[in-house]
Amino acid sequence: MHEKNAVQVNGKSIEFDNDGFTTDPSLWDEKVAAAIAEDEGIDDISEKHWGIVNFIRDYWKEHDLAPPVRLICKEVGVSVREI
């Protein structure tokens, strides 16, 4: 995130902490992801982007921590350089 503390989606303000994580993960959905991507200069989220996002979210839900980058690469089929 570019030092931004919130994005607006459908009239709702989605707030982020100082590390860029949503303060209320229950508000996250694909529209929020698209707003975040747009804020980061990504106009169109590709299938690879969604693969990465969904893998990380699923892994987090199961393990309560982010997956290692190399595991993301292996599971999603992207290179470390692409990440």
PDB file of N, CA and C in Angstrom:
ATOM      1  N   MET A   1       0.844  -1.175   0.000  1.00  0.00           N
ATOM      2  CA  MET A   1       0.000   0.000   0.000  1.00  0.00           C
ATOM      3  C   MET A   1       0.892   1.241   0.000  1.00  0.00           C
ATOM      4  N   HIS A   2       0.419   2.286  -0.584  1.00  0.00           N
ATOM      5  CA  HIS A   2       1.152   3.545  -0.640  1.00  0.00           C
ATOM      6  C   HIS A   2       0.818   4.419   0.564  1.00  0.00           C
ATOM      7  N   GLU A   3       1.153   3.950   1.779  1.00  0.00           N
ATOM      8  CA  GLU A   3       0.911   4.737   2.979  1.00  0.00           C
ATOM      9  C   GLU A   3      -0.539   5.188   3.067  1.00  0.00           C
ATOM     10  N   LYS A   4      -1.434   4.420   2.466  1.00  0.00           N
ATOM     11  CA  LYS A   4      -2.837   4.758   2.485  1.00  0.00           C
ATOM     12  C   LYS A   4      -3.489   3.938   3.591  1.00  0.00           C
ATOM     13  N   ASN A   5      -4.359   4.555   4.353  1.00  0.00           N
ATOM     14  CA  ASN A   5      -4.971   3.867   5.481  1.00  0.00           C
ATOM     15  C   ASN A   5      -6.348   3.313   5.187  1.00  0.00           C
ATOM     16  N   ALA A   6      -6.902   3.592   3.986  1.00  0.00           N
ATOM     17  CA  ALA A   6      -8.236   3.084   3.663  1.00  0.00           C
ATOM     18  C   ALA A   6      -8.470   3.164   2.160  1.00  0.00           C
ATOM     19  N   VAL A   7      -9.378   2.319   1.674  1.00  0.00           N
ATOM     20  CA  VAL A   7      -9.907   2.423   0.317  1.00  0.00           C
ATOM     21  C   VAL A   7     -11.421   2.460   0.437  1.00  0.00           C
ATOM     22  N   GLN A   8     -12.053   3.100  -0.533  1.00  0.00           N
ATOM     23  CA  GLN A   8     -13.506   3.192  -0.557  1.00  0.00           C
ATOM     24  C   GLN A   8     -14.045   2.173  -1.544  1.00  0.00           C
ATOM     25  N   VAL A   9     -14.974   1.334  -1.088  1.00  0.00           N
ATOM     26  CA  VAL A   9     -15.584   0.317  -1.942  1.00  0.00           C
ATOM     27  C   VAL A   9     -17.078   0.293  -1.654  1.00  0.00           C
ATOM     28  N   ASN A  10     -17.866   0.581  -2.693  1.00  0.00           N
ATOM     29  CA  ASN A  10     -19.327   0.581  -2.557  1.00  0.00           C
ATOM     30  C   ASN A  10     -19.793   1.397  -1.351  1.00  0.00           C
ATOM     31  N   GLY A  11     -19.196   2.559  -1.168  1.00  0.00           N
ATOM     32  CA  GLY A  11     -19.597   3.436  -0.087  1.00  0.00           C
ATOM     33  C   GLY A  11     -19.070   3.054   1.283  1.00  0.00           C
ATOM     34  N   LYS A  12     -18.296   1.979   1.363  1.00  0.00           N
ATOM     35  CA  LYS A  12     -17.701   1.562   2.635  1.00  0.00           C
ATOM     36  C   LYS A  12     -16.224   1.918   2.646  1.00  0.00           C
ATOM     37  N   SER A  13     -15.736   2.298   3.804  1.00  0.00           N
ATOM     38  CA  SER A  13     -14.314   2.569   3.975  1.00  0.00           C
ATOM     39  C   SER A  13     -13.665   1.316   4.557  1.00  0.00           C
ATOM     40  N   ILE A  14     -12.736   0.735   3.806  1.00  0.00           N
ATOM     41  CA  ILE A  14     -11.987  -0.432   4.255  1.00  0.00           C
ATOM     42  C   ILE A  14     -10.660   0.081   4.795  1.00  0.00           C
ATOM     43  N   GLU A  15     -10.458  -0.054   6.105  1.00  0.00           N
ATOM     44  CA  GLU A  15      -9.271   0.509   6.740  1.00  0.00           C
ATOM     45  C   GLU A  15      -8.149  -0.521   6.866  1.00  0.00           C
ATOM     46  N   PHE A  16      -6.914  -0.002   6.886  1.00  0.00           N
ATOM     47  CA  PHE A  16      -5.725  -0.834   6.974  1.00  0.00           C
ATOM     48  C   PHE A  16      -4.861  -0.386   8.137  1.00  0.00           C
ATOM     49  N   ASP A  17      -4.137  -1.346   8.722  1.00  0.00           N
ATOM     50  CA  ASP A  17      -3.203  -0.997   9.790  1.00  0.00           C
ATOM     51  C   ASP A  17      -1.894  -0.504   9.169  1.00  0.00           C
ATOM     52  N   ASN A  18      -0.923  -0.207   9.995  1.00  0.00           N
ATOM     53  CA  ASN A  18       0.354   0.330   9.504  1.00  0.00           C
ATOM     54  C   ASN A  18       1.139  -0.659   8.650  1.00  0.00           C
ATOM     55  N   ASP A  19       0.819  -1.963   8.741  1.00  0.00           N
ATOM     56  CA  ASP A  19       1.494  -2.969   7.926  1.00  0.00           C
ATOM     57  C   ASP A  19       0.746  -3.256   6.634  1.00  0.00           C
ATOM     58  N   GLY A  20      -0.398  -2.576   6.418  1.00  0.00           N
ATOM     59  CA  GLY A  20      -1.162  -2.755   5.189  1.00  0.00           C
ATOM     60  C   GLY A  20      -2.211  -3.850   5.249  1.00  0.00           C
ATOM     61  N   PHE A  21      -2.467  -4.398   6.425  1.00  0.00           N
ATOM     62  CA  PHE A  21      -3.491  -5.431   6.576  1.00  0.00           C
ATOM     63  C   PHE A  21      -4.828  -4.791   6.920  1.00  0.00           C
ATOM     64  N   THR A  22      -5.917  -5.368   6.414  1.00  0.00           N
ATOM     65  CA  THR A  22      -7.230  -4.833   6.754  1.00  0.00           C
ATOM     66  C   THR A  22      -7.471  -4.973   8.246  1.00  0.00           C
ATOM     67  N   THR A  23      -8.077  -3.958   8.826  1.00  0.00           N
ATOM     68  CA  THR A  23      -8.368  -4.008  10.255  1.00  0.00           C
ATOM     69  C   THR A  23      -9.578  -4.881  10.531  1.00  0.00           C
ATOM     70  N   ASP A  24     -10.403  -5.128   9.510  1.00  0.00           N
ATOM     71  CA  ASP A  24     -11.556  -6.019   9.638  1.00  0.00           C
ATOM     72  C   ASP A  24     -11.587  -6.955   8.430  1.00  0.00           C
ATOM     73  N   PRO A  25     -10.886  -8.096   8.525  1.00  0.00           N
ATOM     74  CA  PRO A  25     -10.798  -9.015   7.374  1.00  0.00           C
ATOM     75  C   PRO A  25     -12.153  -9.513   6.869  1.00  0.00           C
ATOM     76  N   SER A  26     -13.186  -9.449   7.680  1.00  0.00           N
ATOM     77  CA  SER A  26     -14.503  -9.921   7.238  1.00  0.00           C
ATOM     78  C   SER A  26     -15.078  -9.032   6.133  1.00  0.00           C
ATOM     79  N   LEU A  27     -14.546  -7.818   5.964  1.00  0.00           N
ATOM     80  CA  LEU A  27     -15.028  -6.916   4.918  1.00  0.00           C
ATOM     81  C   LEU A  27     -14.369  -7.189   3.565  1.00  0.00           C
ATOM     82  N   TRP A  28     -13.329  -8.039   3.554  1.00  0.00           N
ATOM     83  CA  TRP A  28     -12.593  -8.290   2.323  1.00  0.00           C
ATOM     84  C   TRP A  28     -13.457  -9.087   1.357  1.00  0.00           C
ATOM     85  N   ASP A  29     -13.440  -8.704   0.097  1.00  0.00           N
ATOM     86  CA  ASP A  29     -14.039  -9.484  -0.983  1.00  0.00           C
ATOM     87  C   ASP A  29     -13.305  -9.110  -2.270  1.00  0.00           C
ATOM     88  N   GLU A  30     -13.742  -9.648  -3.390  1.00  0.00           N
ATOM     89  CA  GLU A  30     -13.029  -9.406  -4.646  1.00  0.00           C
ATOM     90  C   GLU A  30     -13.076  -7.938  -5.062  1.00  0.00           C
ATOM     91  N   LYS A  31     -14.132  -7.219  -4.702  1.00  0.00           N
ATOM     92  CA  LYS A  31     -14.200  -5.795  -5.032  1.00  0.00           C
ATOM     93  C   LYS A  31     -13.161  -5.011  -4.231  1.00  0.00           C
ATOM     94  N   VAL A  32     -12.958  -5.409  -2.986  1.00  0.00           N
ATOM     95  CA  VAL A  32     -11.924  -4.774  -2.164  1.00  0.00           C
ATOM     96  C   VAL A  32     -10.554  -5.070  -2.776  1.00  0.00           C
ATOM     97  N   ALA A  33     -10.334  -6.313  -3.180  1.00  0.00           N
ATOM     98  CA  ALA A  33      -9.059  -6.675  -3.816  1.00  0.00           C
ATOM     99  C   ALA A  33      -8.824  -5.841  -5.068  1.00  0.00           C
ATOM    100  N   ALA A  34      -9.873  -5.643  -5.866  1.00  0.00           N
ATOM    101  CA  ALA A  34      -9.743  -4.847  -7.087  1.00  0.00           C
ATOM    102  C   ALA A  34      -9.413  -3.394  -6.750  1.00  0.00           C
ATOM    103  N   ALA A  35     -10.009  -2.848  -5.690  1.00  0.00           N
ATOM    104  CA  ALA A  35      -9.727  -1.470  -5.281  1.00  0.00           C
ATOM    105  C   ALA A  35      -8.278  -1.336  -4.804  1.00  0.00           C
ATOM    106  N   ILE A  36      -7.809  -2.328  -4.063  1.00  0.00           N
ATOM    107  CA  ILE A  36      -6.419  -2.314  -3.602  1.00  0.00           C
ATOM    108  C   ILE A  36      -5.477  -2.398  -4.803  1.00  0.00           C
ATOM    109  N   ALA A  37      -5.780  -3.311  -5.732  1.00  0.00           N
ATOM    110  CA  ALA A  37      -4.946  -3.460  -6.929  1.00  0.00           C
ATOM    111  C   ALA A  37      -4.907  -2.155  -7.718  1.00  0.00           C
ATOM    112  N   GLU A  38      -6.050  -1.532  -7.894  1.00  0.00           N
ATOM    113  CA  GLU A  38      -6.098  -0.269  -8.636  1.00  0.00           C
ATOM    114  C   GLU A  38      -5.247   0.790  -7.945  1.00  0.00           C
ATOM    115  N   ASP A  39      -5.321   0.829  -6.617  1.00  0.00           N
ATOM    116  CA  ASP A  39      -4.504   1.774  -5.843  1.00  0.00           C
ATOM    117  C   ASP A  39      -3.010   1.518  -6.061  1.00  0.00           C
ATOM    118  N   GLU A  40      -2.666   0.262  -6.349  1.00  0.00           N
ATOM    119  CA  GLU A  40      -1.268  -0.117  -6.584  1.00  0.00           C
ATOM    120  C   GLU A  40      -0.887  -0.032  -8.060  1.00  0.00           C
ATOM    121  N   GLY A  41      -1.795   0.457  -8.908  1.00  0.00           N
ATOM    122  CA  GLY A  41      -1.501   0.633 -10.324  1.00  0.00           C
ATOM    123  C   GLY A  41      -1.801  -0.577 -11.184  1.00  0.00           C
ATOM    124  N   ILE A  42      -2.556  -1.535 -10.658  1.00  0.00           N
ATOM    125  CA  ILE A  42      -2.935  -2.729 -11.419  1.00  0.00           C
ATOM    126  C   ILE A  42      -4.398  -2.568 -11.815  1.00  0.00           C
ATOM    127  N   ASP A  43      -4.636  -2.308 -13.104  1.00  0.00           N
ATOM    128  CA  ASP A  43      -6.004  -2.063 -13.570  1.00  0.00           C
ATOM    129  C   ASP A  43      -6.810  -3.327 -13.785  1.00  0.00           C
ATOM    130  N   ASP A  44      -6.135  -4.416 -14.116  1.00  0.00           N
ATOM    131  CA  ASP A  44      -6.836  -5.654 -14.417  1.00  0.00           C
ATOM    132  C   ASP A  44      -6.156  -6.802 -13.670  1.00  0.00           C
ATOM    133  N   ILE A  45      -6.877  -7.432 -12.768  1.00  0.00           N
ATOM    134  CA  ILE A  45      -6.314  -8.537 -11.996  1.00  0.00           C
ATOM    135  C   ILE A  45      -6.362  -9.794 -12.864  1.00  0.00           C
ATOM    136  N   SER A  46      -5.192 -10.379 -13.113  1.00  0.00           N
ATOM    137  CA  SER A  46      -5.083 -11.556 -13.981  1.00  0.00           C
ATOM    138  C   SER A  46      -5.433 -12.834 -13.217  1.00  0.00           C
ATOM    139  N   GLU A  47      -5.533 -13.920 -13.952  1.00  0.00           N
ATOM    140  CA  GLU A  47      -5.772 -15.230 -13.327  1.00  0.00           C
ATOM    141  C   GLU A  47      -4.629 -15.588 -12.378  1.00  0.00           C
ATOM    142  N   LYS A  48      -3.392 -15.225 -12.751  1.00  0.00           N
ATOM    143  CA  LYS A  48      -2.248 -15.483 -11.862  1.00  0.00           C
ATOM    144  C   LYS A  48      -2.389 -14.695 -10.568  1.00  0.00           C
ATOM    145  N   HIS A  49      -2.790 -13.426 -10.694  1.00  0.00           N
ATOM    146  CA  HIS A  49      -3.008 -12.620  -9.489  1.00  0.00           C
ATOM    147  C   HIS A  49      -4.025 -13.309  -8.573  1.00  0.00           C
ATOM    148  N   TRP A  50      -5.170 -13.706  -9.151  1.00  0.00           N
ATOM    149  CA  TRP A  50      -6.212 -14.341  -8.341  1.00  0.00           C
ATOM    150  C   TRP A  50      -5.722 -15.649  -7.743  1.00  0.00           C
ATOM    151  N   GLY A  51      -4.937 -16.399  -8.499  1.00  0.00           N
ATOM    152  CA  GLY A  51      -4.382 -17.644  -7.967  1.00  0.00           C
ATOM    153  C   GLY A  51      -3.536 -17.399  -6.739  1.00  0.00           C
ATOM    154  N   ILE A  52      -2.706 -16.364  -6.804  1.00  0.00           N
ATOM    155  CA  ILE A  52      -1.845 -16.017  -5.671  1.00  0.00           C
ATOM    156  C   ILE A  52      -2.681 -15.535  -4.494  1.00  0.00           C
ATOM    157  N   VAL A  53      -3.591 -14.606  -4.760  1.00  0.00           N
ATOM    158  CA  VAL A  53      -4.440 -14.057  -3.694  1.00  0.00           C
ATOM    159  C   VAL A  53      -5.226 -15.168  -3.001  1.00  0.00           C
ATOM    160  N   ASN A  54      -5.870 -16.012  -3.786  1.00  0.00           N
ATOM    161  CA  ASN A  54      -6.705 -17.062  -3.191  1.00  0.00           C
ATOM    162  C   ASN A  54      -5.884 -18.103  -2.446  1.00  0.00           C
ATOM    163  N   PHE A  55      -4.698 -18.448  -2.960  1.00  0.00           N
ATOM    164  CA  PHE A  55      -3.851 -19.397  -2.246  1.00  0.00           C
ATOM    165  C   PHE A  55      -3.426 -18.827  -0.899  1.00  0.00           C
ATOM    166  N   ILE A  56      -2.981 -17.570  -0.896  1.00  0.00           N
ATOM    167  CA  ILE A  56      -2.553 -16.950   0.356  1.00  0.00           C
ATOM    168  C   ILE A  56      -3.706 -16.883   1.345  1.00  0.00           C
ATOM    169  N   ARG A  57      -4.881 -16.472   0.893  1.00  0.00           N
ATOM    170  CA  ARG A  57      -6.044 -16.382   1.788  1.00  0.00           C
ATOM    171  C   ARG A  57      -6.413 -17.749   2.356  1.00  0.00           C
ATOM    172  N   ASP A  58      -6.442 -18.783   1.524  1.00  0.00           N
ATOM    173  CA  ASP A  58      -6.780 -20.129   1.993  1.00  0.00           C
ATOM    174  C   ASP A  58      -5.733 -20.642   2.981  1.00  0.00           C
ATOM    175  N   TYR A  59      -4.475 -20.419   2.670  1.00  0.00           N
ATOM    176  CA  TYR A  59      -3.393 -20.866   3.544  1.00  0.00           C
ATOM    177  C   TYR A  59      -3.497 -20.171   4.898  1.00  0.00           C
ATOM    178  N   TRP A  60      -3.752 -18.854   4.863  1.00  0.00           N
ATOM    179  CA  TRP A  60      -3.871 -18.080   6.103  1.00  0.00           C
ATOM    180  C   TRP A  60      -5.018 -18.613   6.959  1.00  0.00           C
ATOM    181  N   LYS A  61      -6.146 -18.883   6.334  1.00  0.00           N
ATOM    182  CA  LYS A  61      -7.308 -19.390   7.078  1.00  0.00           C
ATOM    183  C   LYS A  61      -6.986 -20.711   7.771  1.00  0.00           C
ATOM    184  N   GLU A  62      -6.204 -21.555   7.117  1.00  0.00           N
ATOM    185  CA  GLU A  62      -5.884 -22.872   7.664  1.00  0.00           C
ATOM    186  C   GLU A  62      -4.760 -22.825   8.694  1.00  0.00           C
ATOM    187  N   HIS A  63      -3.749 -21.986   8.468  1.00  0.00           N
ATOM    188  CA  HIS A  63      -2.544 -22.004   9.306  1.00  0.00           C
ATOM    189  C   HIS A  63      -2.346 -20.758  10.174  1.00  0.00           C
ATOM    190  N   ASP A  64      -3.158 -19.728   9.976  1.00  0.00           N
ATOM    191  CA  ASP A  64      -3.064 -18.465  10.696  1.00  0.00           C
ATOM    192  C   ASP A  64      -1.708 -17.778  10.511  1.00  0.00           C
ATOM    193  N   LEU A  65      -1.127 -17.949   9.353  1.00  0.00           N
ATOM    194  CA  LEU A  65       0.087 -17.249   8.969  1.00  0.00           C
ATOM    195  C   LEU A  65       0.226 -17.304   7.457  1.00  0.00           C
ATOM    196  N   ALA A  66       1.051 -16.406   6.937  1.00  0.00           N
ATOM    197  CA  ALA A  66       1.259 -16.342   5.490  1.00  0.00           C
ATOM    198  C   ALA A  66       2.142 -17.496   5.032  1.00  0.00           C
ATOM    199  N   PRO A  67       1.898 -18.002   3.827  1.00  0.00           N
ATOM    200  CA  PRO A  67       2.727 -19.090   3.311  1.00  0.00           C
ATOM    201  C   PRO A  67       4.087 -18.571   2.860  1.00  0.00           C
ATOM    202  N   PRO A  68       5.084 -19.452   2.873  1.00  0.00           N
ATOM    203  CA  PRO A  68       6.400 -19.073   2.325  1.00  0.00           C
ATOM    204  C   PRO A  68       6.274 -18.773   0.829  1.00  0.00           C
ATOM    205  N   VAL A  69       7.048 -17.827   0.353  1.00  0.00           N
ATOM    206  CA  VAL A  69       6.982 -17.416  -1.048  1.00  0.00           C
ATOM    207  C   VAL A  69       7.212 -18.605  -1.979  1.00  0.00           C
ATOM    208  N   ARG A  70       8.171 -19.448  -1.670  1.00  0.00           N
ATOM    209  CA  ARG A  70       8.457 -20.588  -2.555  1.00  0.00           C
ATOM    210  C   ARG A  70       7.284 -21.566  -2.626  1.00  0.00           C
ATOM    211  N   LEU A  71       6.526 -21.693  -1.550  1.00  0.00           N
ATOM    212  CA  LEU A  71       5.336 -22.547  -1.567  1.00  0.00           C
ATOM    213  C   LEU A  71       4.265 -21.928  -2.464  1.00  0.00           C
ATOM    214  N   ILE A  72       4.103 -20.622  -2.383  1.00  0.00           N
ATOM    215  CA  ILE A  72       3.153 -19.934  -3.275  1.00  0.00           C
ATOM    216  C   ILE A  72       3.530 -20.223  -4.721  1.00  0.00           C
ATOM    217  N   CYS A  73       4.816 -20.054  -5.038  1.00  0.00           N
ATOM    218  CA  CYS A  73       5.294 -20.283  -6.405  1.00  0.00           C
ATOM    219  C   CYS A  73       4.994 -21.695  -6.870  1.00  0.00           C
ATOM    220  N   LYS A  74       5.299 -22.664  -6.029  1.00  0.00           N
ATOM    221  CA  LYS A  74       5.088 -24.070  -6.378  1.00  0.00           C
ATOM    222  C   LYS A  74       3.606 -24.370  -6.587  1.00  0.00           C
ATOM    223  N   GLU A  75       2.773 -23.919  -5.668  1.00  0.00           N
ATOM    224  CA  GLU A  75       1.346 -24.244  -5.726  1.00  0.00           C
ATOM    225  C   GLU A  75       0.605 -23.504  -6.829  1.00  0.00           C
ATOM    226  N   VAL A  76       1.027 -22.279  -7.130  1.00  0.00           N
ATOM    227  CA  VAL A  76       0.317 -21.461  -8.108  1.00  0.00           C
ATOM    228  C   VAL A  76       0.947 -21.551  -9.496  1.00  0.00           C
ATOM    229  N   GLY A  77       2.202 -22.007  -9.553  1.00  0.00           N
ATOM    230  CA  GLY A  77       2.868 -22.138 -10.842  1.00  0.00           C
ATOM    231  C   GLY A  77       3.451 -20.830 -11.362  1.00  0.00           C
ATOM    232  N   VAL A  78       4.011 -20.041 -10.454  1.00  0.00           N
ATOM    233  CA  VAL A  78       4.680 -18.803 -10.829  1.00  0.00           C
ATOM    234  C   VAL A  78       6.108 -18.837 -10.317  1.00  0.00           C
ATOM    235  N   SER A  79       6.955 -18.000 -10.896  1.00  0.00           N
ATOM    236  CA  SER A  79       8.341 -17.942 -10.445  1.00  0.00           C
ATOM    237  C   SER A  79       8.484 -16.925  -9.307  1.00  0.00           C
ATOM    238  N   VAL A  80       9.561 -17.044  -8.565  1.00  0.00           N
ATOM    239  CA  VAL A  80       9.841 -16.070  -7.504  1.00  0.00           C
ATOM    240  C   VAL A  80       9.935 -14.675  -8.111  1.00  0.00           C
ATOM    241  N   ARG A  81      10.508 -14.581  -9.268  1.00  0.00           N
ATOM    242  CA  ARG A  81      10.645 -13.284  -9.949  1.00  0.00           C
ATOM    243  C   ARG A  81       9.259 -12.681 -10.247  1.00  0.00           C
ATOM    244  N   GLU A  82       8.294 -13.518 -10.626  1.00  0.00           N
ATOM    245  CA  GLU A  82       6.944 -13.016 -10.906  1.00  0.00           C
ATOM    246  C   GLU A  82       6.258 -12.508  -9.638  1.00  0.00           C
ATOM    247  N   ILE A  83       6.557 -13.132  -8.514  1.00  0.00           N
ATOM    248  CA  ILE A  83       5.963 -12.694  -7.257  1.00  0.00           C
ATOM    249  C   ILE A  83       6.497 -11.324  -6.944  1.00  0.00           C
TER     250      ILE A  83
END
